[in-house]
């Protein structure tokens, strides 16, 4: 893969942002690692709940299938996992 300087700069900026996120939320990457290690299999249900500062609540879930797992594995390979 050939990258120009602009793309390289964007990747470096993204890495800085990810590093900042990890410093701000040190338990979250540990949580994701545990889930990835122990629960990422077909049939696993992922539930997501979000509450805004104003109290508005959003909630959804999804049941992982083979295509989902293939996508997550491919994304993990981009991240070097």
PDB file of N, CA and C in Angstrom:
ATOM      1  N   UNK A   1       0.846  -1.166   0.000  1.00  0.00           N
ATOM      2  CA  UNK A   1       0.000   0.000   0.000  1.00  0.00           C
ATOM      3  C   UNK A   1       0.897   1.236   0.000  1.00  0.00           C
ATOM      4  N   UNK A   2       0.714   2.103  -0.960  1.00  0.00           N
ATOM      5  CA  UNK A   2       1.463   3.351  -1.050  1.00  0.00           C
ATOM      6  C   UNK A   2       0.683   4.461  -0.355  1.00  0.00           C
ATOM      7  N   UNK A   3       1.396   5.233   0.484  1.00  0.00           N
ATOM      8  CA  UNK A   3       0.751   6.335   1.194  1.00  0.00           C
ATOM      9  C   UNK A   3       1.474   7.628   0.870  1.00  0.00           C
ATOM     10  N   UNK A   4       0.676   8.671   0.725  1.00  0.00           N
ATOM     11  CA  UNK A   4       1.309   9.974   0.554  1.00  0.00           C
ATOM     12  C   UNK A   4       1.459  10.620   1.936  1.00  0.00           C
ATOM     13  N   UNK A   5       2.140  11.754   1.983  1.00  0.00           N
ATOM     14  CA  UNK A   5       2.411  12.415   3.266  1.00  0.00           C
ATOM     15  C   UNK A   5       1.133  12.829   3.983  1.00  0.00           C
ATOM     16  N   UNK A   6       0.126  13.232   3.243  1.00  0.00           N
ATOM     17  CA  UNK A   6      -1.141  13.642   3.847  1.00  0.00           C
ATOM     18  C   UNK A   6      -1.800  12.464   4.568  1.00  0.00           C
ATOM     19  N   UNK A   7      -1.801  11.299   3.915  1.00  0.00           N
ATOM     20  CA  UNK A   7      -2.394  10.113   4.536  1.00  0.00           C
ATOM     21  C   UNK A   7      -1.604   9.700   5.776  1.00  0.00           C
ATOM     22  N   UNK A   8      -0.291   9.771   5.697  1.00  0.00           N
ATOM     23  CA  UNK A   8       0.562   9.427   6.835  1.00  0.00           C
ATOM     24  C   UNK A   8       0.298  10.379   8.000  1.00  0.00           C
ATOM     25  N   UNK A   9       0.164  11.656   7.719  1.00  0.00           N
ATOM     26  CA  UNK A   9      -0.131  12.641   8.762  1.00  0.00           C
ATOM     27  C   UNK A   9      -1.484  12.358   9.416  1.00  0.00           C
ATOM     28  N   UNK A  10      -2.485  11.969   8.615  1.00  0.00           N
ATOM     29  CA  UNK A  10      -3.804  11.640   9.165  1.00  0.00           C
ATOM     30  C   UNK A  10      -3.723  10.417  10.065  1.00  0.00           C
ATOM     31  N   UNK A  11      -2.937   9.413   9.661  1.00  0.00           N
ATOM     32  CA  UNK A  11      -2.769   8.216  10.490  1.00  0.00           C
ATOM     33  C   UNK A  11      -2.077   8.562  11.810  1.00  0.00           C
ATOM     34  N   UNK A  12      -1.061   9.422  11.749  1.00  0.00           N
ATOM     35  CA  UNK A  12      -0.372   9.832  12.965  1.00  0.00           C
ATOM     36  C   UNK A  12      -1.309  10.615  13.889  1.00  0.00           C
ATOM     37  N   UNK A  13      -2.130  11.469  13.319  1.00  0.00           N
ATOM     38  CA  UNK A  13      -3.104  12.217  14.117  1.00  0.00           C
ATOM     39  C   UNK A  13      -4.123  11.272  14.749  1.00  0.00           C
ATOM     40  N   UNK A  14      -4.577  10.274  13.998  1.00  0.00           N
ATOM     41  CA  UNK A  14      -5.533   9.298  14.528  1.00  0.00           C
ATOM     42  C   UNK A  14      -4.907   8.517  15.683  1.00  0.00           C
ATOM     43  N   UNK A  15      -3.643   8.144  15.553  1.00  0.00           N
ATOM     44  CA  UNK A  15      -2.968   7.428  16.631  1.00  0.00           C
ATOM     45  C   UNK A  15      -2.901   8.287  17.884  1.00  0.00           C
ATOM     46  N   UNK A  16      -2.611   9.571  17.755  1.00  0.00           N
ATOM     47  CA  UNK A  16      -2.588  10.472  18.907  1.00  0.00           C
ATOM     48  C   UNK A  16      -3.955  10.511  19.583  1.00  0.00           C
ATOM     49  N   UNK A  17      -5.003  10.569  18.774  1.00  0.00           N
ATOM     50  CA  UNK A  17      -6.356  10.624  19.332  1.00  0.00           C
ATOM     51  C   UNK A  17      -6.712   9.324  20.057  1.00  0.00           C
ATOM     52  N   UNK A  18      -6.328   8.192  19.476  1.00  0.00           N
ATOM     53  CA  UNK A  18      -6.579   6.896  20.120  1.00  0.00           C
ATOM     54  C   UNK A  18      -5.807   6.816  21.436  1.00  0.00           C
ATOM     55  N   UNK A  19      -4.553   7.252  21.427  1.00  0.00           N
ATOM     56  CA  UNK A  19      -3.754   7.246  22.658  1.00  0.00           C
ATOM     57  C   UNK A  19      -4.390   8.124  23.733  1.00  0.00           C
ATOM     58  N   UNK A  20      -4.901   9.286  23.348  1.00  0.00           N
ATOM     59  CA  UNK A  20      -5.582  10.178  24.292  1.00  0.00           C
ATOM     60  C   UNK A  20      -6.840   9.508  24.842  1.00  0.00           C
ATOM     61  N   UNK A  21      -7.614   8.868  23.965  1.00  0.00           N
ATOM     62  CA  UNK A  21      -8.827   8.157  24.400  1.00  0.00           C
ATOM     63  C   UNK A  21      -8.463   7.083  25.420  1.00  0.00           C
ATOM     64  N   UNK A  22      -7.405   6.333  25.144  1.00  0.00           N
ATOM     65  CA  UNK A  22      -6.990   5.269  26.070  1.00  0.00           C
ATOM     66  C   UNK A  22      -6.545   5.840  27.418  1.00  0.00           C
ATOM     67  N   UNK A  23      -5.869   6.980  27.409  1.00  0.00           N
ATOM     68  CA  UNK A  23      -5.475   7.620  28.675  1.00  0.00           C
ATOM     69  C   UNK A  23      -6.707   8.111  29.447  1.00  0.00           C
ATOM     70  N   UNK A  24      -7.682   8.655  28.723  1.00  0.00           N
ATOM     71  CA  UNK A  24      -8.894   9.180  29.362  1.00  0.00           C
ATOM     72  C   UNK A  24      -9.813   8.081  29.878  1.00  0.00           C
ATOM     73  N   UNK A  25      -9.768   6.924  29.242  1.00  0.00           N
ATOM     74  CA  UNK A  25     -10.686   5.822  29.579  1.00  0.00           C
ATOM     75  C   UNK A  25      -9.911   4.511  29.661  1.00  0.00           C
ATOM     76  N   UNK A  26      -9.009   4.366  30.644  1.00  0.00           N
ATOM     77  CA  UNK A  26      -8.105   3.209  30.672  1.00  0.00           C
ATOM     78  C   UNK A  26      -8.797   1.854  30.828  1.00  0.00           C
ATOM     79  N   UNK A  27      -9.973   1.816  31.413  1.00  0.00           N
ATOM     80  CA  UNK A  27     -10.659   0.533  31.596  1.00  0.00           C
ATOM     81  C   UNK A  27     -11.356   0.052  30.322  1.00  0.00           C
ATOM     82  N   UNK A  28     -11.692   0.968  29.426  1.00  0.00           N
ATOM     83  CA  UNK A  28     -12.455   0.576  28.235  1.00  0.00           C
ATOM     84  C   UNK A  28     -11.674  -0.364  27.310  1.00  0.00           C
ATOM     85  N   UNK A  29     -10.406  -0.083  26.992  1.00  0.00           N
ATOM     86  CA  UNK A  29      -9.662  -1.047  26.170  1.00  0.00           C
ATOM     87  C   UNK A  29      -9.531  -2.415  26.846  1.00  0.00           C
ATOM     88  N   UNK A  30      -9.393  -2.434  28.167  1.00  0.00           N
ATOM     89  CA  UNK A  30      -9.332  -3.708  28.894  1.00  0.00           C
ATOM     90  C   UNK A  30     -10.646  -4.470  28.749  1.00  0.00           C
ATOM     91  N   UNK A  31     -11.758  -3.744  28.835  1.00  0.00           N
ATOM     92  CA  UNK A  31     -13.076  -4.337  28.639  1.00  0.00           C
ATOM     93  C   UNK A  31     -13.191  -4.937  27.239  1.00  0.00           C
ATOM     94  N   UNK A  32     -12.785  -4.154  26.224  1.00  0.00           N
ATOM     95  CA  UNK A  32     -12.862  -4.646  24.847  1.00  0.00           C
ATOM     96  C   UNK A  32     -11.977  -5.863  24.632  1.00  0.00           C
ATOM     97  N   UNK A  33     -10.791  -5.868  25.238  1.00  0.00           N
ATOM     98  CA  UNK A  33      -9.901  -7.037  25.119  1.00  0.00           C
ATOM     99  C   UNK A  33     -10.547  -8.278  25.730  1.00  0.00           C
ATOM    100  N   UNK A  34     -11.174  -8.122  26.901  1.00  0.00           N
ATOM    101  CA  UNK A  34     -11.834  -9.253  27.555  1.00  0.00           C
ATOM    102  C   UNK A  34     -12.992  -9.778  26.707  1.00  0.00           C
ATOM    103  N   UNK A  35     -13.783  -8.867  26.158  1.00  0.00           N
ATOM    104  CA  UNK A  35     -14.902  -9.269  25.304  1.00  0.00           C
ATOM    105  C   UNK A  35     -14.369  -9.987  24.067  1.00  0.00           C
ATOM    106  N   UNK A  36     -13.343  -9.424  23.452  1.00  0.00           N
ATOM    107  CA  UNK A  36     -12.762 -10.027  22.259  1.00  0.00           C
ATOM    108  C   UNK A  36     -12.232 -11.433  22.558  1.00  0.00           C
ATOM    109  N   UNK A  37     -11.622 -11.592  23.708  1.00  0.00           N
ATOM    110  CA  UNK A  37     -11.031 -12.872  24.087  1.00  0.00           C
ATOM    111  C   UNK A  37     -12.094 -13.917  24.450  1.00  0.00           C
ATOM    112  N   UNK A  38     -13.155 -13.492  25.128  1.00  0.00           N
ATOM    113  CA  UNK A  38     -14.082 -14.452  25.730  1.00  0.00           C
ATOM    114  C   UNK A  38     -15.472 -14.528  25.111  1.00  0.00           C
ATOM    115  N   UNK A  39     -15.902 -13.515  24.347  1.00  0.00           N
ATOM    116  CA  UNK A  39     -17.312 -13.483  23.953  1.00  0.00           C
ATOM    117  C   UNK A  39     -17.568 -13.277  22.469  1.00  0.00           C
ATOM    118  N   UNK A  40     -16.532 -13.085  21.683  1.00  0.00           N
ATOM    119  CA  UNK A  40     -16.755 -12.804  20.266  1.00  0.00           C
ATOM    120  C   UNK A  40     -16.965 -14.105  19.497  1.00  0.00           C
ATOM    121  N   UNK A  41     -18.204 -14.542  19.505  1.00  0.00           N
ATOM    122  CA  UNK A  41     -18.583 -15.754  18.778  1.00  0.00           C
ATOM    123  C   UNK A  41     -19.990 -15.595  18.241  1.00  0.00           C
ATOM    124  N   UNK A  42     -20.285 -16.414  17.281  1.00  0.00           N
ATOM    125  CA  UNK A  42     -21.608 -16.355  16.656  1.00  0.00           C
ATOM    126  C   UNK A  42     -22.685 -16.553  17.717  1.00  0.00           C
ATOM    127  N   UNK A  43     -23.699 -15.695  17.680  1.00  0.00           N
ATOM    128  CA  UNK A  43     -24.805 -15.772  18.629  1.00  0.00           C
ATOM    129  C   UNK A  43     -24.673 -14.827  19.817  1.00  0.00           C
ATOM    130  N   UNK A  44     -23.478 -14.248  20.008  1.00  0.00           N
ATOM    131  CA  UNK A  44     -23.301 -13.274  21.088  1.00  0.00           C
ATOM    132  C   UNK A  44     -24.172 -12.051  20.811  1.00  0.00           C
ATOM    133  N   UNK A  45     -24.810 -11.543  21.845  1.00  0.00           N
ATOM    134  CA  UNK A  45     -25.637 -10.340  21.715  1.00  0.00           C
ATOM    135  C   UNK A  45     -24.872  -9.160  22.301  1.00  0.00           C
ATOM    136  N   UNK A  46     -24.736  -8.109  21.507  1.00  0.00           N
ATOM    137  CA  UNK A  46     -24.102  -6.869  21.953  1.00  0.00           C
ATOM    138  C   UNK A  46     -25.206  -5.842  22.166  1.00  0.00           C
ATOM    139  N   UNK A  47     -25.246  -5.274  23.371  1.00  0.00           N
ATOM    140  CA  UNK A  47     -26.227  -4.247  23.696  1.00  0.00           C
ATOM    141  C   UNK A  47     -25.493  -2.930  23.908  1.00  0.00           C
ATOM    142  N   UNK A  48     -26.041  -1.860  23.347  1.00  0.00           N
ATOM    143  CA  UNK A  48     -25.435  -0.547  23.465  1.00  0.00           C
ATOM    144  C   UNK A  48     -26.476   0.416  24.007  1.00  0.00           C
ATOM    145  N   UNK A  49     -26.080   1.158  25.039  1.00  0.00           N
ATOM    146  CA  UNK A  49     -26.959   2.130  25.669  1.00  0.00           C
ATOM    147  C   UNK A  49     -26.202   3.449  25.768  1.00  0.00           C
ATOM    148  N   UNK A  50     -26.855   4.548  25.358  1.00  0.00           N
ATOM    149  CA  UNK A  50     -26.248   5.876  25.390  1.00  0.00           C
ATOM    150  C   UNK A  50     -27.236   6.835  26.044  1.00  0.00           C
ATOM    151  N   UNK A  51     -26.744   7.639  27.003  1.00  0.00           N
ATOM    152  CA  UNK A  51     -27.555   8.665  27.636  1.00  0.00           C
ATOM    153  C   UNK A  51     -26.846  10.006  27.452  1.00  0.00           C
ATOM    154  N   UNK A  52     -27.543  10.964  26.838  1.00  0.00           N
ATOM    155  CA  UNK A  52     -26.963  12.285  26.605  1.00  0.00           C
ATOM    156  C   UNK A  52     -26.920  13.057  27.922  1.00  0.00           C
ATOM    157  N   UNK A  53     -26.144  14.147  27.992  1.00  0.00           N
ATOM    158  CA  UNK A  53     -26.126  14.966  29.214  1.00  0.00           C
ATOM    159  C   UNK A  53     -27.515  15.490  29.582  1.00  0.00           C
ATOM    160  N   UNK A  54     -28.393  15.625  28.587  1.00  0.00           N
ATOM    161  CA  UNK A  54     -29.761  16.102  28.847  1.00  0.00           C
ATOM    162  C   UNK A  54     -30.692  14.981  29.301  1.00  0.00           C
ATOM    163  N   UNK A  55     -30.193  13.746  29.349  1.00  0.00           N
ATOM    164  CA  UNK A  55     -30.999  12.629  29.814  1.00  0.00           C
ATOM    165  C   UNK A  55     -31.704  11.852  28.720  1.00  0.00           C
ATOM    166  N   UNK A  56     -31.483  12.208  27.462  1.00  0.00           N
ATOM    167  CA  UNK A  56     -32.099  11.461  26.367  1.00  0.00           C
ATOM    168  C   UNK A  56     -31.391  10.112  26.254  1.00  0.00           C
ATOM    169  N   UNK A  57     -32.184   9.058  26.103  1.00  0.00           N
ATOM    170  CA  UNK A  57     -31.650   7.692  26.149  1.00  0.00           C
ATOM    171  C   UNK A  57     -31.854   6.990  24.808  1.00  0.00           C
ATOM    172  N   UNK A  58     -30.797   6.330  24.359  1.00  0.00           N
ATOM    173  CA  UNK A  58     -30.825   5.530  23.125  1.00  0.00           C
ATOM    174  C   UNK A  58     -30.321   4.142  23.480  1.00  0.00           C
ATOM    175  N   UNK A  59     -30.941   3.130  22.873  1.00  0.00           N
ATOM    176  CA  UNK A  59     -30.564   1.763  23.190  1.00  0.00           C
ATOM    177  C   UNK A  59     -30.818   0.869  21.994  1.00  0.00           C
ATOM    178  N   UNK A  60     -29.901  -0.059  21.753  1.00  0.00           N
ATOM    179  CA  UNK A  60     -30.086  -1.038  20.687  1.00  0.00           C
ATOM    180  C   UNK A  60     -29.291  -2.290  21.019  1.00  0.00           C
ATOM    181  N   UNK A  61     -29.491  -3.327  20.234  1.00  0.00           N
ATOM    182  CA  UNK A  61     -28.692  -4.541  20.382  1.00  0.00           C
ATOM    183  C   UNK A  61     -28.577  -5.229  19.034  1.00  0.00           C
ATOM    184  N   UNK A  62     -27.599  -6.105  18.955  1.00  0.00           N
ATOM    185  CA  UNK A  62     -27.453  -6.921  17.752  1.00  0.00           C
ATOM    186  C   UNK A  62     -26.885  -8.271  18.133  1.00  0.00           C
ATOM    187  N   UNK A  63     -27.268  -9.269  17.375  1.00  0.00           N
ATOM    188  CA  UNK A  63     -26.763 -10.626  17.578  1.00  0.00           C
ATOM    189  C   UNK A  63     -25.721 -10.887  16.503  1.00  0.00           C
ATOM    190  N   UNK A  64     -24.507 -11.234  16.935  1.00  0.00           N
ATOM    191  CA  UNK A  64     -23.409 -11.437  15.990  1.00  0.00           C
ATOM    192  C   UNK A  64     -23.627 -12.664  15.117  1.00  0.00           C
ATOM    193  N   UNK A  65     -23.373 -12.483  13.827  1.00  0.00           N
ATOM    194  CA  UNK A  65     -23.395 -13.618  12.896  1.00  0.00           C
ATOM    195  C   UNK A  65     -22.002 -13.758  12.274  1.00  0.00           C
ATOM    196  N   UNK A  66     -21.822 -14.728  11.434  1.00  0.00           N
ATOM    197  CA  UNK A  66     -20.519 -15.025  10.830  1.00  0.00           C
ATOM    198  C   UNK A  66     -19.970 -13.816  10.066  1.00  0.00           C
ATOM    199  N   UNK A  67     -20.809 -13.124   9.296  1.00  0.00           N
ATOM    200  CA  UNK A  67     -20.351 -11.947   8.551  1.00  0.00           C
ATOM    201  C   UNK A  67     -19.843 -10.850   9.491  1.00  0.00           C
ATOM    202  N   UNK A  68     -20.539 -10.652  10.616  1.00  0.00           N
ATOM    203  CA  UNK A  68     -20.106  -9.655  11.601  1.00  0.00           C
ATOM    204  C   UNK A  68     -18.728 -10.011  12.150  1.00  0.00           C
ATOM    205  N   UNK A  69     -18.545 -11.282  12.486  1.00  0.00           N
ATOM    206  CA  UNK A  69     -17.265 -11.722  13.035  1.00  0.00           C
ATOM    207  C   UNK A  69     -16.140 -11.563  12.020  1.00  0.00           C
ATOM    208  N   UNK A  70     -16.435 -11.856  10.755  1.00  0.00           N
ATOM    209  CA  UNK A  70     -15.426 -11.673   9.700  1.00  0.00           C
ATOM    210  C   UNK A  70     -15.018 -10.201   9.602  1.00  0.00           C
ATOM    211  N   UNK A  71     -15.991  -9.295   9.665  1.00  0.00           N
ATOM    212  CA  UNK A  71     -15.698  -7.861   9.617  1.00  0.00           C
ATOM    213  C   UNK A  71     -14.856  -7.443  10.813  1.00  0.00           C
ATOM    214  N   UNK A  72     -15.240  -7.858  12.014  1.00  0.00           N
ATOM    215  CA  UNK A  72     -14.502  -7.487  13.214  1.00  0.00           C
ATOM    216  C   UNK A  72     -13.080  -8.034  13.194  1.00  0.00           C
ATOM    217  N   UNK A  73     -12.921  -9.244  12.667  1.00  0.00           N
ATOM    218  CA  UNK A  73     -11.582  -9.821  12.551  1.00  0.00           C
ATOM    219  C   UNK A  73     -10.733  -9.002  11.569  1.00  0.00           C
ATOM    220  N   UNK A  74     -11.311  -8.607  10.436  1.00  0.00           N
ATOM    221  CA  UNK A  74     -10.588  -7.801   9.455  1.00  0.00           C
ATOM    222  C   UNK A  74     -10.201  -6.444  10.047  1.00  0.00           C
ATOM    223  N   UNK A  75     -11.099  -5.822  10.811  1.00  0.00           N
ATOM    224  CA  UNK A  75     -10.783  -4.550  11.462  1.00  0.00           C
ATOM    225  C   UNK A  75      -9.674  -4.725  12.496  1.00  0.00           C
ATOM    226  N   UNK A  76      -9.706  -5.830  13.216  1.00  0.00           N
ATOM    227  CA  UNK A  76      -8.654  -6.119  14.180  1.00  0.00           C
ATOM    228  C   UNK A  76      -7.301  -6.276  13.527  1.00  0.00           C
ATOM    229  N   UNK A  77      -7.277  -6.848  12.330  1.00  0.00           N
ATOM    230  CA  UNK A  77      -6.017  -7.014  11.609  1.00  0.00           C
ATOM    231  C   UNK A  77      -5.459  -5.659  11.172  1.00  0.00           C
ATOM    232  N   UNK A  78      -6.340  -4.706  10.871  1.00  0.00           N
ATOM    233  CA  UNK A  78      -5.879  -3.353  10.559  1.00  0.00           C
ATOM    234  C   UNK A  78      -5.208  -2.721  11.764  1.00  0.00           C
ATOM    235  N   UNK A  79      -5.682  -3.092  12.940  1.00  0.00           N
ATOM    236  CA  UNK A  79      -5.166  -2.544  14.184  1.00  0.00           C
ATOM    237  C   UNK A  79      -3.956  -3.327  14.686  1.00  0.00           C
ATOM    238  N   UNK A  80      -3.568  -4.361  13.957  1.00  0.00           N
ATOM    239  CA  UNK A  80      -2.411  -5.146  14.344  1.00  0.00           C
ATOM    240  C   UNK A  80      -2.683  -6.190  15.412  1.00  0.00           C
ATOM    241  N   UNK A  81      -3.936  -6.612  15.537  1.00  0.00           N
ATOM    242  CA  UNK A  81      -4.282  -7.620  16.553  1.00  0.00           C
ATOM    243  C   UNK A  81      -4.464  -8.969  15.931  1.00  0.00           C
TER     244      UNK A  81
END
